[in-house]
Amino acid sequence: MKKIIFFGLFIAFFKTTYAQRICSSTFNAAQVQITDNARYQRYIQMEQFISDYRNSISGGNGRLINANSLIIIPVVVHILHGGESIGVGRNISVAQI
């Protein structure tokens, strides 16, 4: 019985460590540029937009921080509602957010 438990734990551990070696979310820009140039151009435009946004907020120093030393954290809030007008029911107003 001990051998079966040990073997089961060994397989579970091995599978977990093996799964962590390969990351499917890694973006290989050089490969995408060769295979899908339109996707690569969208990626470059997105990176340029983010860079421009950060520079416009930070004054060129690369940090999202203003003159009052407040760090700005961009946040997106999704409100799920049943079609009510803003401020009624579950469709809360911007002030409540």
PDB file of N, CA and C in Angstrom:
ATOM      1  N   MET A   1       0.813  -1.187   0.000  1.00  0.00           N
ATOM      2  CA  MET A   1       0.000   0.000   0.000  1.00  0.00           C
ATOM      3  C   MET A   1       0.863   1.261   0.000  1.00  0.00           C
ATOM      4  N   LYS A   2       1.968   1.214   0.766  1.00  0.00           N
ATOM      5  CA  LYS A   2       2.871   2.360   0.813  1.00  0.00           C
ATOM      6  C   LYS A   2       3.490   2.623  -0.554  1.00  0.00           C
ATOM      7  N   LYS A   3       3.784   1.541  -1.295  1.00  0.00           N
ATOM      8  CA  LYS A   3       4.375   1.704  -2.622  1.00  0.00           C
ATOM      9  C   LYS A   3       3.388   2.366  -3.573  1.00  0.00           C
ATOM     10  N   ILE A   4       2.136   2.026  -3.474  1.00  0.00           N
ATOM     11  CA  ILE A   4       1.121   2.609  -4.353  1.00  0.00           C
ATOM     12  C   ILE A   4       0.963   4.098  -4.058  1.00  0.00           C
ATOM     13  N   ILE A   5       0.922   4.449  -2.786  1.00  0.00           N
ATOM     14  CA  ILE A   5       0.805   5.860  -2.408  1.00  0.00           C
ATOM     15  C   ILE A   5       2.042   6.625  -2.859  1.00  0.00           C
ATOM     16  N   PHE A   6       3.222   6.062  -2.618  1.00  0.00           N
ATOM     17  CA  PHE A   6       4.454   6.706  -3.046  1.00  0.00           C
ATOM     18  C   PHE A   6       4.476   6.896  -4.555  1.00  0.00           C
ATOM     19  N   PHE A   7       4.094   5.865  -5.294  1.00  0.00           N
ATOM     20  CA  PHE A   7       4.079   5.938  -6.757  1.00  0.00           C
ATOM     21  C   PHE A   7       3.082   7.004  -7.224  1.00  0.00           C
ATOM     22  N   GLY A   8       1.910   7.053  -6.590  1.00  0.00           N
ATOM     23  CA  GLY A   8       0.912   8.057  -6.956  1.00  0.00           C
ATOM     24  C   GLY A   8       1.407   9.466  -6.705  1.00  0.00           C
ATOM     25  N   LEU A   9       2.041   9.693  -5.560  1.00  0.00           N
ATOM     26  CA  LEU A   9       2.597  11.016  -5.249  1.00  0.00           C
ATOM     27  C   LEU A   9       3.741  11.373  -6.195  1.00  0.00           C
ATOM     28  N   PHE A  10       4.557  10.385  -6.538  1.00  0.00           N
ATOM     29  CA  PHE A  10       5.659  10.617  -7.461  1.00  0.00           C
ATOM     30  C   PHE A  10       5.134  11.052  -8.829  1.00  0.00           C
ATOM     31  N   ILE A  11       4.124  10.367  -9.330  1.00  0.00           N
ATOM     32  CA  ILE A  11       3.538  10.707 -10.630  1.00  0.00           C
ATOM     33  C   ILE A  11       2.911  12.096 -10.581  1.00  0.00           C
ATOM     34  N   ALA A  12       2.193  12.404  -9.512  1.00  0.00           N
ATOM     35  CA  ALA A  12       1.565  13.721  -9.380  1.00  0.00           C
ATOM     36  C   ALA A  12       2.627  14.820  -9.345  1.00  0.00           C
ATOM     37  N   PHE A  13       3.705  14.607  -8.603  1.00  0.00           N
ATOM     38  CA  PHE A  13       4.778  15.594  -8.524  1.00  0.00           C
ATOM     39  C   PHE A  13       5.476  15.739  -9.862  1.00  0.00           C
ATOM     40  N   PHE A  14       5.759  14.636 -10.525  1.00  0.00           N
ATOM     41  CA  PHE A  14       6.448  14.672 -11.810  1.00  0.00           C
ATOM     42  C   PHE A  14       5.608  15.400 -12.844  1.00  0.00           C
ATOM     43  N   LYS A  15       4.317  15.130 -12.874  1.00  0.00           N
ATOM     44  CA  LYS A  15       3.438  15.772 -13.836  1.00  0.00           C
ATOM     45  C   LYS A  15       3.395  17.278 -13.589  1.00  0.00           C
ATOM     46  N   THR A  16       3.337  17.708 -12.337  1.00  0.00           N
ATOM     47  CA  THR A  16       3.300  19.126 -12.010  1.00  0.00           C
ATOM     48  C   THR A  16       4.591  19.812 -12.423  1.00  0.00           C
ATOM     49  N   THR A  17       5.729  19.223 -12.126  1.00  0.00           N
ATOM     50  CA  THR A  17       6.995  19.858 -12.474  1.00  0.00           C
ATOM     51  C   THR A  17       7.215  19.855 -13.976  1.00  0.00           C
ATOM     52  N   TYR A  18       6.776  18.837 -14.660  1.00  0.00           N
ATOM     53  CA  TYR A  18       6.935  18.803 -16.114  1.00  0.00           C
ATOM     54  C   TYR A  18       6.064  19.873 -16.764  1.00  0.00           C
ATOM     55  N   ALA A  19       4.863  20.075 -16.234  1.00  0.00           N
ATOM     56  CA  ALA A  19       3.950  21.053 -16.806  1.00  0.00           C
ATOM     57  C   ALA A  19       4.500  22.467 -16.655  1.00  0.00           C
ATOM     58  N   GLN A  20       5.306  22.715 -15.650  1.00  0.00           N
ATOM     59  CA  GLN A  20       5.816  24.048 -15.417  1.00  0.00           C
ATOM     60  C   GLN A  20       7.006  24.397 -16.301  1.00  0.00           C
ATOM     61  N   ARG A  21       7.598  23.425 -16.963  1.00  0.00           N
ATOM     62  CA  ARG A  21       8.754  23.712 -17.816  1.00  0.00           C
ATOM     63  C   ARG A  21       8.360  24.367 -19.134  1.00  0.00           C
ATOM     64  N   ILE A  22       7.170  24.098 -19.613  1.00  0.00           N
ATOM     65  CA  ILE A  22       6.743  24.601 -20.907  1.00  0.00           C
ATOM     66  C   ILE A  22       5.605  25.593 -20.680  1.00  0.00           C
ATOM     67  N   CYS A  23       5.801  26.815 -21.111  1.00  0.00           N
ATOM     68  CA  CYS A  23       4.772  27.838 -20.942  1.00  0.00           C
ATOM     69  C   CYS A  23       4.157  28.131 -22.305  1.00  0.00           C
ATOM     70  N   SER A  24       2.884  27.875 -22.441  1.00  0.00           N
ATOM     71  CA  SER A  24       2.203  28.086 -23.714  1.00  0.00           C
ATOM     72  C   SER A  24       1.896  29.545 -23.972  1.00  0.00           C
ATOM     73  N   SER A  25       1.989  30.377 -22.965  1.00  0.00           N
ATOM     74  CA  SER A  25       1.629  31.776 -23.146  1.00  0.00           C
ATOM     75  C   SER A  25       2.809  32.646 -23.573  1.00  0.00           C
ATOM     76  N   THR A  26       3.970  32.080 -23.756  1.00  0.00           N
ATOM     77  CA  THR A  26       5.131  32.851 -24.176  1.00  0.00           C
ATOM     78  C   THR A  26       4.921  33.357 -25.592  1.00  0.00           C
ATOM     79  N   PHE A  27       5.123  34.645 -25.798  1.00  0.00           N
ATOM     80  CA  PHE A  27       4.941  35.258 -27.106  1.00  0.00           C
ATOM     81  C   PHE A  27       6.294  35.326 -27.796  1.00  0.00           C
ATOM     82  N   ASN A  28       6.438  34.595 -28.876  1.00  0.00           N
ATOM     83  CA  ASN A  28       7.663  34.590 -29.651  1.00  0.00           C
ATOM     84  C   ASN A  28       7.480  35.562 -30.815  1.00  0.00           C
ATOM     85  N   ALA A  29       7.930  36.811 -30.627  1.00  0.00           N
ATOM     86  CA  ALA A  29       7.699  37.866 -31.612  1.00  0.00           C
ATOM     87  C   ALA A  29       8.328  37.542 -32.958  1.00  0.00           C
ATOM     88  N   ALA A  30       9.524  36.972 -32.954  1.00  0.00           N
ATOM     89  CA  ALA A  30      10.195  36.663 -34.222  1.00  0.00           C
ATOM     90  C   ALA A  30       9.409  35.625 -35.014  1.00  0.00           C
ATOM     91  N   GLN A  31       8.893  34.610 -34.331  1.00  0.00           N
ATOM     92  CA  GLN A  31       8.121  33.566 -35.011  1.00  0.00           C
ATOM     93  C   GLN A  31       6.796  34.122 -35.531  1.00  0.00           C
ATOM     94  N   VAL A  32       6.144  34.969 -34.732  1.00  0.00           N
ATOM     95  CA  VAL A  32       4.867  35.552 -35.163  1.00  0.00           C
ATOM     96  C   VAL A  32       5.082  36.490 -36.339  1.00  0.00           C
ATOM     97  N   GLN A  33       6.194  37.204 -36.360  1.00  0.00           N
ATOM     98  CA  GLN A  33       6.482  38.106 -37.477  1.00  0.00           C
ATOM     99  C   GLN A  33       6.596  37.317 -38.781  1.00  0.00           C
ATOM    100  N   ILE A  34       7.154  36.133 -38.712  1.00  0.00           N
ATOM    101  CA  ILE A  34       7.313  35.296 -39.913  1.00  0.00           C
ATOM    102  C   ILE A  34       5.980  34.673 -40.320  1.00  0.00           C
ATOM    103  N   THR A  35       5.230  34.146 -39.352  1.00  0.00           N
ATOM    104  CA  THR A  35       4.029  33.380 -39.679  1.00  0.00           C
ATOM    105  C   THR A  35       2.768  34.221 -39.822  1.00  0.00           C
ATOM    106  N   ASP A  36       2.625  35.315 -39.046  1.00  0.00           N
ATOM    107  CA  ASP A  36       1.402  36.115 -39.069  1.00  0.00           C
ATOM    108  C   ASP A  36       1.772  37.582 -38.894  1.00  0.00           C
ATOM    109  N   ASN A  37       2.130  38.230 -39.987  1.00  0.00           N
ATOM    110  CA  ASN A  37       2.636  39.599 -39.916  1.00  0.00           C
ATOM    111  C   ASN A  37       1.573  40.579 -39.421  1.00  0.00           C
ATOM    112  N   ALA A  38       0.298  40.351 -39.739  1.00  0.00           N
ATOM    113  CA  ALA A  38      -0.766  41.249 -39.271  1.00  0.00           C
ATOM    114  C   ALA A  38      -0.849  41.216 -37.741  1.00  0.00           C
ATOM    115  N   ARG A  39      -0.758  40.035 -37.148  1.00  0.00           N
ATOM    116  CA  ARG A  39      -0.778  39.910 -35.680  1.00  0.00           C
ATOM    117  C   ARG A  39       0.447  40.591 -35.077  1.00  0.00           C
ATOM    118  N   TYR A  40       1.582  40.427 -35.729  1.00  0.00           N
ATOM    119  CA  TYR A  40       2.812  41.058 -35.246  1.00  0.00           C
ATOM    120  C   TYR A  40       2.675  42.578 -35.262  1.00  0.00           C
ATOM    121  N   GLN A  41       2.076  43.139 -36.315  1.00  0.00           N
ATOM    122  CA  GLN A  41       1.897  44.589 -36.405  1.00  0.00           C
ATOM    123  C   GLN A  41       0.943  45.090 -35.311  1.00  0.00           C
ATOM    124  N   ARG A  42      -0.125  44.330 -35.016  1.00  0.00           N
ATOM    125  CA  ARG A  42      -1.033  44.703 -33.928  1.00  0.00           C
ATOM    126  C   ARG A  42      -0.293  44.686 -32.594  1.00  0.00           C
ATOM    127  N   TYR A  43       0.589  43.700 -32.419  1.00  0.00           N
ATOM    128  CA  TYR A  43       1.387  43.604 -31.189  1.00  0.00           C
ATOM    129  C   TYR A  43       2.291  44.832 -31.053  1.00  0.00           C
ATOM    130  N   ILE A  44       2.953  45.203 -32.119  1.00  0.00           N
ATOM    131  CA  ILE A  44       3.859  46.366 -32.103  1.00  0.00           C
ATOM    132  C   ILE A  44       3.063  47.642 -31.817  1.00  0.00           C
ATOM    133  N   GLN A  45       1.873  47.785 -32.438  1.00  0.00           N
ATOM    134  CA  GLN A  45       1.042  48.961 -32.192  1.00  0.00           C
ATOM    135  C   GLN A  45       0.594  49.025 -30.734  1.00  0.00           C
ATOM    136  N   MET A  46       0.236  47.870 -30.166  1.00  0.00           N
ATOM    137  CA  MET A  46      -0.181  47.827 -28.764  1.00  0.00           C
ATOM    138  C   MET A  46       0.984  48.216 -27.845  1.00  0.00           C
ATOM    139  N   GLU A  47       2.164  47.687 -28.099  1.00  0.00           N
ATOM    140  CA  GLU A  47       3.331  48.029 -27.287  1.00  0.00           C
ATOM    141  C   GLU A  47       3.661  49.515 -27.393  1.00  0.00           C
ATOM    142  N   GLN A  48       3.530  50.087 -28.603  1.00  0.00           N
ATOM    143  CA  GLN A  48       3.800  51.514 -28.793  1.00  0.00           C
ATOM    144  C   GLN A  48       2.754  52.355 -28.062  1.00  0.00           C
ATOM    145  N   PHE A  49       1.479  51.934 -28.112  1.00  0.00           N
ATOM    146  CA  PHE A  49       0.413  52.649 -27.406  1.00  0.00           C
ATOM    147  C   PHE A  49       0.678  52.657 -25.905  1.00  0.00           C
ATOM    148  N   ILE A  50       1.051  51.507 -25.360  1.00  0.00           N
ATOM    149  CA  ILE A  50       1.328  51.413 -23.926  1.00  0.00           C
ATOM    150  C   ILE A  50       2.512  52.295 -23.545  1.00  0.00           C
ATOM    151  N   SER A  51       3.543  52.282 -24.375  1.00  0.00           N
ATOM    152  CA  SER A  51       4.719  53.113 -24.115  1.00  0.00           C
ATOM    153  C   SER A  51       4.359  54.596 -24.158  1.00  0.00           C
ATOM    154  N   ASP A  52       3.585  54.993 -25.177  1.00  0.00           N
ATOM    155  CA  ASP A  52       3.169  56.401 -25.277  1.00  0.00           C
ATOM    156  C   ASP A  52       2.305  56.807 -24.091  1.00  0.00           C
ATOM    157  N   TYR A  53       1.402  55.921 -23.673  1.00  0.00           N
ATOM    158  CA  TYR A  53       0.531  56.219 -22.532  1.00  0.00           C
ATOM    159  C   TYR A  53       1.359  56.402 -21.265  1.00  0.00           C
ATOM    160  N   ARG A  54       2.275  55.493 -21.032  1.00  0.00           N
ATOM    161  CA  ARG A  54       3.105  55.601 -19.828  1.00  0.00           C
ATOM    162  C   ARG A  54       3.923  56.875 -19.843  1.00  0.00           C
ATOM    163  N   ASN A  55       4.473  57.241 -21.007  1.00  0.00           N
ATOM    164  CA  ASN A  55       5.276  58.464 -21.092  1.00  0.00           C
ATOM    165  C   ASN A  55       4.417  59.705 -20.918  1.00  0.00           C
ATOM    166  N   SER A  56       3.170  59.679 -21.419  1.00  0.00           N
ATOM    167  CA  SER A  56       2.303  60.852 -21.264  1.00  0.00           C
ATOM    168  C   SER A  56       1.887  61.040 -19.808  1.00  0.00           C
ATOM    169  N   ILE A  57       1.680  59.960 -19.091  1.00  0.00           N
ATOM    170  CA  ILE A  57       1.292  60.046 -17.680  1.00  0.00           C
ATOM    171  C   ILE A  57       2.494  60.420 -16.814  1.00  0.00           C
ATOM    172  N   SER A  58       3.636  59.818 -17.101  1.00  0.00           N
ATOM    173  CA  SER A  58       4.780  59.936 -16.201  1.00  0.00           C
ATOM    174  C   SER A  58       5.730  61.061 -16.553  1.00  0.00           C
ATOM    175  N   GLY A  59       5.516  61.725 -17.674  1.00  0.00           N
ATOM    176  CA  GLY A  59       6.426  62.791 -18.060  1.00  0.00           C
ATOM    177  C   GLY A  59       7.754  62.263 -18.587  1.00  0.00           C
ATOM    178  N   GLY A  60       7.789  61.031 -19.058  1.00  0.00           N
ATOM    179  CA  GLY A  60       8.987  60.490 -19.688  1.00  0.00           C
ATOM    180  C   GLY A  60       9.877  59.660 -18.793  1.00  0.00           C
ATOM    181  N   ASN A  61       9.575  59.572 -17.492  1.00  0.00           N
ATOM    182  CA  ASN A  61      10.466  58.806 -16.623  1.00  0.00           C
ATOM    183  C   ASN A  61      10.104  57.328 -16.556  1.00  0.00           C
ATOM    184  N   GLY A  62       8.999  56.926 -17.222  1.00  0.00           N
ATOM    185  CA  GLY A  62       8.646  55.516 -17.288  1.00  0.00           C
ATOM    186  C   GLY A  62       7.842  54.987 -16.125  1.00  0.00           C
ATOM    187  N   ARG A  63       7.524  55.841 -15.145  1.00  0.00           N
ATOM    188  CA  ARG A  63       6.750  55.397 -13.988  1.00  0.00           C
ATOM    189  C   ARG A  63       5.380  56.040 -14.026  1.00  0.00           C
ATOM    190  N   LEU A  64       4.372  55.294 -13.641  1.00  0.00           N
ATOM    191  CA  LEU A  64       3.022  55.837 -13.576  1.00  0.00           C
ATOM    192  C   LEU A  64       2.837  56.527 -12.233  1.00  0.00           C
ATOM    193  N   ILE A  65       3.429  57.717 -12.128  1.00  0.00           N
ATOM    194  CA  ILE A  65       3.373  58.469 -10.874  1.00  0.00           C
ATOM    195  C   ILE A  65       3.235  59.948 -11.234  1.00  0.00           C
ATOM    196  N   ASN A  66       2.404  60.677 -10.515  1.00  0.00           N
ATOM    197  CA  ASN A  66       2.225  62.087 -10.835  1.00  0.00           C
ATOM    198  C   ASN A  66       3.045  62.971  -9.896  1.00  0.00           C
ATOM    199  N   ALA A  67       2.879  64.282 -10.037  1.00  0.00           N
ATOM    200  CA  ALA A  67       3.697  65.226  -9.257  1.00  0.00           C
ATOM    201  C   ALA A  67       3.438  65.135  -7.760  1.00  0.00           C
ATOM    202  N   ASN A  68       2.275  64.659  -7.360  1.00  0.00           N
ATOM    203  CA  ASN A  68       1.954  64.544  -5.936  1.00  0.00           C
ATOM    204  C   ASN A  68       2.434  63.230  -5.343  1.00  0.00           C
ATOM    205  N   SER A  69       3.245  62.487  -6.065  1.00  0.00           N
ATOM    206  CA  SER A  69       3.768  61.187  -5.643  1.00  0.00           C
ATOM    207  C   SER A  69       2.678  60.145  -5.466  1.00  0.00           C
ATOM    208  N   LEU A  70       1.590  60.292  -6.198  1.00  0.00           N
ATOM    209  CA  LEU A  70       0.532  59.294  -6.195  1.00  0.00           C
ATOM    210  C   LEU A  70       0.781  58.327  -7.346  1.00  0.00           C
ATOM    211  N   ILE A  71       0.789  57.056  -7.061  1.00  0.00           N
ATOM    212  CA  ILE A  71       0.987  56.056  -8.098  1.00  0.00           C
ATOM    213  C   ILE A  71      -0.358  55.780  -8.759  1.00  0.00           C
ATOM    214  N   ILE A  72      -0.384  55.837 -10.082  1.00  0.00           N
ATOM    215  CA  ILE A  72      -1.607  55.622 -10.843  1.00  0.00           C
ATOM    216  C   ILE A  72      -1.652  54.168 -11.287  1.00  0.00           C
ATOM    217  N   ILE A  73      -2.720  53.471 -10.914  1.00  0.00           N
ATOM    218  CA  ILE A  73      -2.909  52.077 -11.315  1.00  0.00           C
ATOM    219  C   ILE A  73      -4.138  52.023 -12.211  1.00  0.00           C
ATOM    220  N   PRO A  74      -3.942  51.823 -13.525  1.00  0.00           N
ATOM    221  CA  PRO A  74      -5.103  51.736 -14.421  1.00  0.00           C
ATOM    222  C   PRO A  74      -5.955  50.514 -14.070  1.00  0.00           C
ATOM    223  N   VAL A  75      -7.263  50.718 -13.937  1.00  0.00           N
ATOM    224  CA  VAL A  75      -8.186  49.655 -13.540  1.00  0.00           C
ATOM    225  C   VAL A  75      -9.385  49.666 -14.480  1.00  0.00           C
ATOM    226  N   VAL A  76      -9.854  48.500 -14.857  1.00  0.00           N
ATOM    227  CA  VAL A  76     -11.077  48.356 -15.644  1.00  0.00           C
ATOM    228  C   VAL A  76     -12.107  47.675 -14.766  1.00  0.00           C
ATOM    229  N   VAL A  77     -13.309  48.248 -14.715  1.00  0.00           N
ATOM    230  CA  VAL A  77     -14.391  47.690 -13.909  1.00  0.00           C
ATOM    231  C   VAL A  77     -15.529  47.309 -14.848  1.00  0.00           C
ATOM    232  N   HIS A  78     -15.982  46.082 -14.767  1.00  0.00           N
ATOM    233  CA  HIS A  78     -17.122  45.612 -15.557  1.00  0.00           C
ATOM    234  C   HIS A  78     -18.335  45.533 -14.645  1.00  0.00           C
ATOM    235  N   ILE A  79     -19.427  46.165 -15.078  1.00  0.00           N
ATOM    236  CA  ILE A  79     -20.665  46.153 -14.313  1.00  0.00           C
ATOM    237  C   ILE A  79     -21.657  45.236 -15.028  1.00  0.00           C
ATOM    238  N   LEU A  80     -22.122  44.227 -14.325  1.00  0.00           N
ATOM    239  CA  LEU A  80     -23.119  43.314 -14.880  1.00  0.00           C
ATOM    240  C   LEU A  80     -24.489  43.766 -14.398  1.00  0.00           C
ATOM    241  N   HIS A  81     -25.365  44.097 -15.342  1.00  0.00           N
ATOM    242  CA  HIS A  81     -26.700  44.570 -14.982  1.00  0.00           C
ATOM    243  C   HIS A  81     -27.695  44.083 -16.020  1.00  0.00           C
ATOM    244  N   GLY A  82     -28.951  44.321 -15.755  1.00  0.00           N
ATOM    245  CA  GLY A  82     -30.023  43.833 -16.626  1.00  0.00           C
ATOM    246  C   GLY A  82     -30.557  44.883 -17.573  1.00  0.00           C
ATOM    247  N   GLY A  83     -29.782  45.897 -17.920  1.00  0.00           N
ATOM    248  CA  GLY A  83     -30.223  46.919 -18.865  1.00  0.00           C
ATOM    249  C   GLY A  83     -30.814  48.153 -18.204  1.00  0.00           C
ATOM    250  N   GLU A  84     -30.703  48.273 -16.891  1.00  0.00           N
ATOM    251  CA  GLU A  84     -31.216  49.451 -16.202  1.00  0.00           C
ATOM    252  C   GLU A  84     -30.405  50.679 -16.615  1.00  0.00           C
ATOM    253  N   SER A  85     -30.978  51.862 -16.425  1.00  0.00           N
ATOM    254  CA  SER A  85     -30.219  53.075 -16.711  1.00  0.00           C
ATOM    255  C   SER A  85     -29.163  53.268 -15.619  1.00  0.00           C
ATOM    256  N   ILE A  86     -28.174  54.091 -15.918  1.00  0.00           N
ATOM    257  CA  ILE A  86     -27.043  54.274 -15.011  1.00  0.00           C
ATOM    258  C   ILE A  86     -27.513  54.849 -13.675  1.00  0.00           C
ATOM    259  N   GLY A  87     -27.084  54.210 -12.589  1.00  0.00           N
ATOM    260  CA  GLY A  87     -27.423  54.639 -11.249  1.00  0.00           C
ATOM    261  C   GLY A  87     -28.657  53.964 -10.684  1.00  0.00           C
ATOM    262  N   VAL A  88     -29.291  53.099 -11.469  1.00  0.00           N
ATOM    263  CA  VAL A  88     -30.510  52.420 -11.029  1.00  0.00           C
ATOM    264  C   VAL A  88     -30.227  50.931 -10.887  1.00  0.00           C
ATOM    265  N   GLY A  89     -30.652  50.349  -9.783  1.00  0.00           N
ATOM    266  CA  GLY A  89     -30.506  48.909  -9.597  1.00  0.00           C
ATOM    267  C   GLY A  89     -29.049  48.484  -9.547  1.00  0.00           C
ATOM    268  N   ARG A  90     -28.734  47.448 -10.309  1.00  0.00           N
ATOM    269  CA  ARG A  90     -27.365  46.929 -10.313  1.00  0.00           C
ATOM    270  C   ARG A  90     -26.434  47.719 -11.221  1.00  0.00           C
ATOM    271  N   ASN A  91     -26.962  48.614 -12.044  1.00  0.00           N
ATOM    272  CA  ASN A  91     -26.134  49.431 -12.938  1.00  0.00           C
ATOM    273  C   ASN A  91     -25.683  50.673 -12.167  1.00  0.00           C
ATOM    274  N   ILE A  92     -24.640  50.499 -11.358  1.00  0.00           N
ATOM    275  CA  ILE A  92     -24.192  51.557 -10.459  1.00  0.00           C
ATOM    276  C   ILE A  92     -23.521  52.691 -11.245  1.00  0.00           C
ATOM    277  N   SER A  93     -23.481  53.854 -10.646  1.00  0.00           N
ATOM    278  CA  SER A  93     -22.898  55.026 -11.289  1.00  0.00           C
ATOM    279  C   SER A  93     -21.374  55.019 -11.159  1.00  0.00           C
ATOM    280  N   VAL A  94     -20.736  55.926 -11.902  1.00  0.00           N
ATOM    281  CA  VAL A  94     -19.282  56.057 -11.855  1.00  0.00           C
ATOM    282  C   VAL A  94     -18.842  56.482 -10.454  1.00  0.00           C
ATOM    283  N   ALA A  95     -19.633  57.318  -9.800  1.00  0.00           N
ATOM    284  CA  ALA A  95     -19.288  57.757  -8.437  1.00  0.00           C
ATOM    285  C   ALA A  95     -19.262  56.586  -7.461  1.00  0.00           C
ATOM    286  N   GLN A  96     -20.176  55.628  -7.646  1.00  0.00           N
ATOM    287  CA  GLN A  96     -20.194  54.463  -6.765  1.00  0.00           C
ATOM    288  C   GLN A  96     -19.004  53.543  -7.031  1.00  0.00           C
ATOM    289  N   ILE A  97     -18.561  53.507  -8.248  1.00  0.00           N
ATOM    290  CA  ILE A  97     -17.386  52.660  -8.583  1.00  0.00           C
ATOM    291  C   ILE A  97     -16.183  53.223  -7.896  1.00  0.00           C
TER     292      ILE A  97
END
